[in-house]
Amino acid sequence: SRQKTERNYIMLHWALVFLVVAIIAAVFGFAGIASASAGIAQILFFIFIALFLVTLLLRAFRSG
């Protein structure tokens, strides 16, 4: 039964950690998170375009 009690404390610990993270995010606002997400999306978009162009060129040279 001691393991079960320890598991409950671990779950409580993580619940408190996520509560603190949520409070900090609320205090600082979500603009930073939105900005970071937009930056990541932009980087992924340009990587996709680069890979698309490389694949397009490789197929053009392979079939020719």
PDB file of N, CA and C in Angstrom:
ATOM      1  N   SER A   1       0.820  -1.195   0.000  1.00  0.00           N
ATOM      2  CA  SER A   1       0.000   0.000   0.000  1.00  0.00           C
ATOM      3  C   SER A   1       0.862   1.256   0.000  1.00  0.00           C
ATOM      4  N   ARG A   2       2.120   1.114   0.402  1.00  0.00           N
ATOM      5  CA  ARG A   2       3.017   2.265   0.405  1.00  0.00           C
ATOM      6  C   ARG A   2       3.310   2.734  -1.015  1.00  0.00           C
ATOM      7  N   GLN A   3       3.436   1.782  -1.968  1.00  0.00           N
ATOM      8  CA  GLN A   3       3.668   2.161  -3.355  1.00  0.00           C
ATOM      9  C   GLN A   3       2.490   2.955  -3.910  1.00  0.00           C
ATOM     10  N   LYS A   4       1.289   2.556  -3.535  1.00  0.00           N
ATOM     11  CA  LYS A   4       0.099   3.262  -4.006  1.00  0.00           C
ATOM     12  C   LYS A   4       0.090   4.696  -3.474  1.00  0.00           C
ATOM     13  N   THR A   5       0.482   4.877  -2.227  1.00  0.00           N
ATOM     14  CA  THR A   5       0.552   6.217  -1.646  1.00  0.00           C
ATOM     15  C   THR A   5       1.613   7.054  -2.342  1.00  0.00           C
ATOM     16  N   GLU A   6       2.757   6.442  -2.640  1.00  0.00           N
ATOM     17  CA  GLU A   6       3.820   7.170  -3.345  1.00  0.00           C
ATOM     18  C   GLU A   6       3.365   7.574  -4.736  1.00  0.00           C
ATOM     19  N   ARG A   7       2.627   6.696  -5.419  1.00  0.00           N
ATOM     20  CA  ARG A   7       2.106   7.037  -6.743  1.00  0.00           C
ATOM     21  C   ARG A   7       1.153   8.223  -6.663  1.00  0.00           C
ATOM     22  N   ASN A   8       0.331   8.266  -5.625  1.00  0.00           N
ATOM     23  CA  ASN A   8      -0.584   9.388  -5.463  1.00  0.00           C
ATOM     24  C   ASN A   8       0.178  10.691  -5.291  1.00  0.00           C
ATOM     25  N   TYR A   9       1.272  10.662  -4.529  1.00  0.00           N
ATOM     26  CA  TYR A   9       2.075  11.866  -4.355  1.00  0.00           C
ATOM     27  C   TYR A   9       2.761  12.275  -5.646  1.00  0.00           C
ATOM     28  N   ILE A  10       3.170  11.302  -6.446  1.00  0.00           N
ATOM     29  CA  ILE A  10       3.792  11.624  -7.729  1.00  0.00           C
ATOM     30  C   ILE A  10       2.780  12.304  -8.640  1.00  0.00           C
ATOM     31  N   MET A  11       1.566  11.759  -8.671  1.00  0.00           N
ATOM     32  CA  MET A  11       0.522  12.374  -9.487  1.00  0.00           C
ATOM     33  C   MET A  11       0.195  13.780  -8.990  1.00  0.00           C
ATOM     34  N   LEU A  12       0.158  13.963  -7.686  1.00  0.00           N
ATOM     35  CA  LEU A  12      -0.089  15.285  -7.117  1.00  0.00           C
ATOM     36  C   LEU A  12       1.034  16.243  -7.484  1.00  0.00           C
ATOM     37  N   HIS A  13       2.254  15.758  -7.428  1.00  0.00           N
ATOM     38  CA  HIS A  13       3.414  16.575  -7.794  1.00  0.00           C
ATOM     39  C   HIS A  13       3.283  17.073  -9.230  1.00  0.00           C
ATOM     40  N   TRP A  14       2.982  16.152 -10.163  1.00  0.00           N
ATOM     41  CA  TRP A  14       2.864  16.561 -11.557  1.00  0.00           C
ATOM     42  C   TRP A  14       1.659  17.468 -11.778  1.00  0.00           C
ATOM     43  N   ALA A  15       0.593  17.240 -11.051  1.00  0.00           N
ATOM     44  CA  ALA A  15      -0.562  18.125 -11.158  1.00  0.00           C
ATOM     45  C   ALA A  15      -0.194  19.541 -10.727  1.00  0.00           C
ATOM     46  N   LEU A  16       0.574  19.655  -9.654  1.00  0.00           N
ATOM     47  CA  LEU A  16       1.011  20.979  -9.191  1.00  0.00           C
ATOM     48  C   LEU A  16       1.987  21.619 -10.169  1.00  0.00           C
ATOM     49  N   VAL A  17       2.859  20.819 -10.754  1.00  0.00           N
ATOM     50  CA  VAL A  17       3.803  21.355 -11.755  1.00  0.00           C
ATOM     51  C   VAL A  17       3.029  21.939 -12.931  1.00  0.00           C
ATOM     52  N   PHE A  18       2.044  21.187 -13.437  1.00  0.00           N
ATOM     53  CA  PHE A  18       1.264  21.693 -14.563  1.00  0.00           C
ATOM     54  C   PHE A  18       0.418  22.895 -14.172  1.00  0.00           C
ATOM     55  N   LEU A  19      -0.037  22.954 -12.938  1.00  0.00           N
ATOM     56  CA  LEU A  19      -0.775  24.121 -12.465  1.00  0.00           C
ATOM     57  C   LEU A  19       0.113  25.358 -12.463  1.00  0.00           C
ATOM     58  N   VAL A  20       1.319  25.211 -11.970  1.00  0.00           N
ATOM     59  CA  VAL A  20       2.255  26.337 -11.941  1.00  0.00           C
ATOM     60  C   VAL A  20       2.598  26.790 -13.359  1.00  0.00           C
ATOM     61  N   VAL A  21       2.828  25.837 -14.256  1.00  0.00           N
ATOM     62  CA  VAL A  21       3.127  26.190 -15.649  1.00  0.00           C
ATOM     63  C   VAL A  21       1.943  26.934 -16.266  1.00  0.00           C
ATOM     64  N   ALA A  22       0.730  26.473 -15.987  1.00  0.00           N
ATOM     65  CA  ALA A  22      -0.459  27.136 -16.526  1.00  0.00           C
ATOM     66  C   ALA A  22      -0.600  28.550 -15.974  1.00  0.00           C
ATOM     67  N   ILE A  23      -0.330  28.730 -14.704  1.00  0.00           N
ATOM     68  CA  ILE A  23      -0.415  30.071 -14.113  1.00  0.00           C
ATOM     69  C   ILE A  23       0.628  31.002 -14.707  1.00  0.00           C
ATOM     70  N   ILE A  24       1.852  30.497 -14.866  1.00  0.00           N
ATOM     71  CA  ILE A  24       2.913  31.321 -15.454  1.00  0.00           C
ATOM     72  C   ILE A  24       2.568  31.696 -16.889  1.00  0.00           C
ATOM     73  N   ALA A  25       2.045  30.741 -17.663  1.00  0.00           N
ATOM     74  CA  ALA A  25       1.648  31.032 -19.041  1.00  0.00           C
ATOM     75  C   ALA A  25       0.533  32.068 -19.073  1.00  0.00           C
ATOM     76  N   ALA A  26      -0.388  31.992 -18.129  1.00  0.00           N
ATOM     77  CA  ALA A  26      -1.480  32.969 -18.081  1.00  0.00           C
ATOM     78  C   ALA A  26      -0.969  34.358 -17.721  1.00  0.00           C
ATOM     79  N   VAL A  27      -0.004  34.423 -16.814  1.00  0.00           N
ATOM     80  CA  VAL A  27       0.535  35.720 -16.408  1.00  0.00           C
ATOM     81  C   VAL A  27       1.273  36.390 -17.554  1.00  0.00           C
ATOM     82  N   PHE A  28       2.066  35.606 -18.279  1.00  0.00           N
ATOM     83  CA  PHE A  28       2.851  36.182 -19.367  1.00  0.00           C
ATOM     84  C   PHE A  28       2.071  36.297 -20.667  1.00  0.00           C
ATOM     85  N   GLY A  29       0.906  35.728 -20.733  1.00  0.00           N
ATOM     86  CA  GLY A  29       0.090  35.798 -21.946  1.00  0.00           C
ATOM     87  C   GLY A  29       0.494  34.720 -22.942  1.00  0.00           C
ATOM     88  N   PHE A  30      -0.303  34.616 -23.983  1.00  0.00           N
ATOM     89  CA  PHE A  30      -0.076  33.568 -24.972  1.00  0.00           C
ATOM     90  C   PHE A  30       0.590  34.100 -26.234  1.00  0.00           C
ATOM     91  N   ALA A  31       0.952  35.366 -26.277  1.00  0.00           N
ATOM     92  CA  ALA A  31       1.561  35.950 -27.473  1.00  0.00           C
ATOM     93  C   ALA A  31       2.885  35.268 -27.801  1.00  0.00           C
ATOM     94  N   GLY A  32       3.662  34.957 -26.789  1.00  0.00           N
ATOM     95  CA  GLY A  32       4.944  34.297 -27.028  1.00  0.00           C
ATOM     96  C   GLY A  32       4.776  32.911 -27.600  1.00  0.00           C
ATOM     97  N   ILE A  33       3.790  32.193 -27.096  1.00  0.00           N
ATOM     98  CA  ILE A  33       3.529  30.854 -27.607  1.00  0.00           C
ATOM     99  C   ILE A  33       3.049  30.938 -29.051  1.00  0.00           C
ATOM    100  N   ALA A  34       2.185  31.884 -29.343  1.00  0.00           N
ATOM    101  CA  ALA A  34       1.680  32.044 -30.709  1.00  0.00           C
ATOM    102  C   ALA A  34       2.812  32.435 -31.651  1.00  0.00           C
ATOM    103  N   SER A  35       3.682  33.321 -31.198  1.00  0.00           N
ATOM    104  CA  SER A  35       4.813  33.741 -32.019  1.00  0.00           C
ATOM    105  C   SER A  35       5.766  32.583 -32.290  1.00  0.00           C
ATOM    106  N   ALA A  36       6.037  31.796 -31.275  1.00  0.00           N
ATOM    107  CA  ALA A  36       6.912  30.640 -31.458  1.00  0.00           C
ATOM    108  C   ALA A  36       6.289  29.631 -32.408  1.00  0.00           C
ATOM    109  N   SER A  37       4.991  29.396 -32.279  1.00  0.00           N
ATOM    110  CA  SER A  37       4.312  28.461 -33.171  1.00  0.00           C
ATOM    111  C   SER A  37       4.346  28.951 -34.619  1.00  0.00           C
ATOM    112  N   ALA A  38       4.160  30.238 -34.812  1.00  0.00           N
ATOM    113  CA  ALA A  38       4.210  30.787 -36.163  1.00  0.00           C
ATOM    114  C   ALA A  38       5.613  30.661 -36.749  1.00  0.00           C
ATOM    115  N   GLY A  39       6.624  30.887 -35.930  1.00  0.00           N
ATOM    116  CA  GLY A  39       7.999  30.730 -36.400  1.00  0.00           C
ATOM    117  C   GLY A  39       8.315  29.304 -36.796  1.00  0.00           C
ATOM    118  N   ILE A  40       7.858  28.358 -36.007  1.00  0.00           N
ATOM    119  CA  ILE A  40       8.067  26.943 -36.321  1.00  0.00           C
ATOM    120  C   ILE A  40       7.326  26.575 -37.598  1.00  0.00           C
ATOM    121  N   ALA A  41       6.098  27.055 -37.738  1.00  0.00           N
ATOM    122  CA  ALA A  41       5.324  26.770 -38.953  1.00  0.00           C
ATOM    123  C   ALA A  41       6.011  27.338 -40.182  1.00  0.00           C
ATOM    124  N   GLN A  42       6.588  28.522 -40.055  1.00  0.00           N
ATOM    125  CA  GLN A  42       7.285  29.140 -41.183  1.00  0.00           C
ATOM    126  C   GLN A  42       8.518  28.332 -41.569  1.00  0.00           C
ATOM    127  N   ILE A  43       9.277  27.881 -40.584  1.00  0.00           N
ATOM    128  CA  ILE A  43      10.450  27.063 -40.860  1.00  0.00           C
ATOM    129  C   ILE A  43      10.051  25.757 -41.536  1.00  0.00           C
ATOM    130  N   LEU A  44       9.021  25.106 -41.037  1.00  0.00           N
ATOM    131  CA  LEU A  44       8.566  23.857 -41.634  1.00  0.00           C
ATOM    132  C   LEU A  44       8.057  24.064 -43.057  1.00  0.00           C
ATOM    133  N   PHE A  45       7.400  25.191 -43.305  1.00  0.00           N
ATOM    134  CA  PHE A  45       6.914  25.488 -44.646  1.00  0.00           C
ATOM    135  C   PHE A  45       8.072  25.615 -45.621  1.00  0.00           C
ATOM    136  N   PHE A  46       9.121  26.334 -45.233  1.00  0.00           N
ATOM    137  CA  PHE A  46      10.262  26.501 -46.133  1.00  0.00           C
ATOM    138  C   PHE A  46      11.031  25.197 -46.332  1.00  0.00           C
ATOM    139  N   ILE A  47      11.099  24.367 -45.318  1.00  0.00           N
ATOM    140  CA  ILE A  47      11.719  23.047 -45.479  1.00  0.00           C
ATOM    141  C   ILE A  47      10.897  22.217 -46.462  1.00  0.00           C
ATOM    142  N   PHE A  48       9.566  22.262 -46.344  1.00  0.00           N
ATOM    143  CA  PHE A  48       8.703  21.535 -47.273  1.00  0.00           C
ATOM    144  C   PHE A  48       8.913  22.015 -48.699  1.00  0.00           C
ATOM    145  N   ILE A  49       8.960  23.330 -48.906  1.00  0.00           N
ATOM    146  CA  ILE A  49       9.157  23.874 -50.255  1.00  0.00           C
ATOM    147  C   ILE A  49      10.500  23.426 -50.818  1.00  0.00           C
ATOM    148  N   ALA A  50      11.553  23.473 -49.997  1.00  0.00           N
ATOM    149  CA  ALA A  50      12.880  23.055 -50.456  1.00  0.00           C
ATOM    150  C   ALA A  50      12.883  21.575 -50.839  1.00  0.00           C
ATOM    151  N   LEU A  51      12.293  20.724 -50.011  1.00  0.00           N
ATOM    152  CA  LEU A  51      12.239  19.296 -50.328  1.00  0.00           C
ATOM    153  C   LEU A  51      11.388  19.026 -51.568  1.00  0.00           C
ATOM    154  N   PHE A  52      10.311  19.775 -51.735  1.00  0.00           N
ATOM    155  CA  PHE A  52       9.480  19.627 -52.928  1.00  0.00           C
ATOM    156  C   PHE A  52      10.270  19.976 -54.181  1.00  0.00           C
ATOM    157  N   LEU A  53      11.012  21.080 -54.138  1.00  0.00           N
ATOM    158  CA  LEU A  53      11.787  21.476 -55.312  1.00  0.00           C
ATOM    159  C   LEU A  53      12.899  20.478 -55.616  1.00  0.00           C
ATOM    160  N   VAL A  54      13.570  19.968 -54.594  1.00  0.00           N
ATOM    161  CA  VAL A  54      14.621  18.971 -54.803  1.00  0.00           C
ATOM    162  C   VAL A  54      14.028  17.713 -55.429  1.00  0.00           C
ATOM    163  N   THR A  55      12.892  17.266 -54.910  1.00  0.00           N
ATOM    164  CA  THR A  55      12.241  16.078 -55.469  1.00  0.00           C
ATOM    165  C   THR A  55      11.802  16.314 -56.908  1.00  0.00           C
ATOM    166  N   LEU A  56      11.277  17.492 -57.175  1.00  0.00           N
ATOM    167  CA  LEU A  56      10.851  17.831 -58.529  1.00  0.00           C
ATOM    168  C   LEU A  56      12.029  17.803 -59.494  1.00  0.00           C
ATOM    169  N   LEU A  57      13.150  18.378 -59.089  1.00  0.00           N
ATOM    170  CA  LEU A  57      14.340  18.377 -59.943  1.00  0.00           C
ATOM    171  C   LEU A  57      14.900  16.971 -60.131  1.00  0.00           C
ATOM    172  N   LEU A  58      14.937  16.183 -59.091  1.00  0.00           N
ATOM    173  CA  LEU A  58      15.449  14.816 -59.212  1.00  0.00           C
ATOM    174  C   LEU A  58      14.581  13.978 -60.148  1.00  0.00           C
ATOM    175  N   ARG A  59      13.287  14.141 -60.066  1.00  0.00           N
ATOM    176  CA  ARG A  59      12.394  13.387 -60.980  1.00  0.00           C
ATOM    177  C   ARG A  59      12.561  13.856 -62.416  1.00  0.00           C
ATOM    178  N   ALA A  60      12.786  15.164 -62.595  1.00  0.00           N
ATOM    179  CA  ALA A  60      12.958  15.692 -63.965  1.00  0.00           C
ATOM    180  C   ALA A  60      14.250  15.142 -64.564  1.00  0.00           C
ATOM    181  N   PHE A  61      15.327  15.079 -63.799  1.00  0.00           N
ATOM    182  CA  PHE A  61      16.593  14.578 -64.324  1.00  0.00           C
ATOM    183  C   PHE A  61      16.566  13.065 -64.490  1.00  0.00           C
ATOM    184  N   ARG A  62      15.845  12.363 -63.641  1.00  0.00           N
ATOM    185  CA  ARG A  62      15.785  10.915 -63.724  1.00  0.00           C
ATOM    186  C   ARG A  62      15.021  10.449 -64.967  1.00  0.00           C
ATOM    187  N   SER A  63      13.919  11.114 -65.267  1.00  0.00           N
ATOM    188  CA  SER A  63      13.105  10.694 -66.414  1.00  0.00           C
ATOM    189  C   SER A  63      13.697  11.159 -67.738  1.00  0.00           C
ATOM    190  N   GLY A  64      14.587  12.135 -67.693  1.00  0.00           N
ATOM    191  CA  GLY A  64      15.148  12.686 -68.935  1.00  0.00           C
ATOM    192  C   GLY A  64      16.330  11.991 -69.380  1.00  0.00           C
TER     193      GLY A  64
END
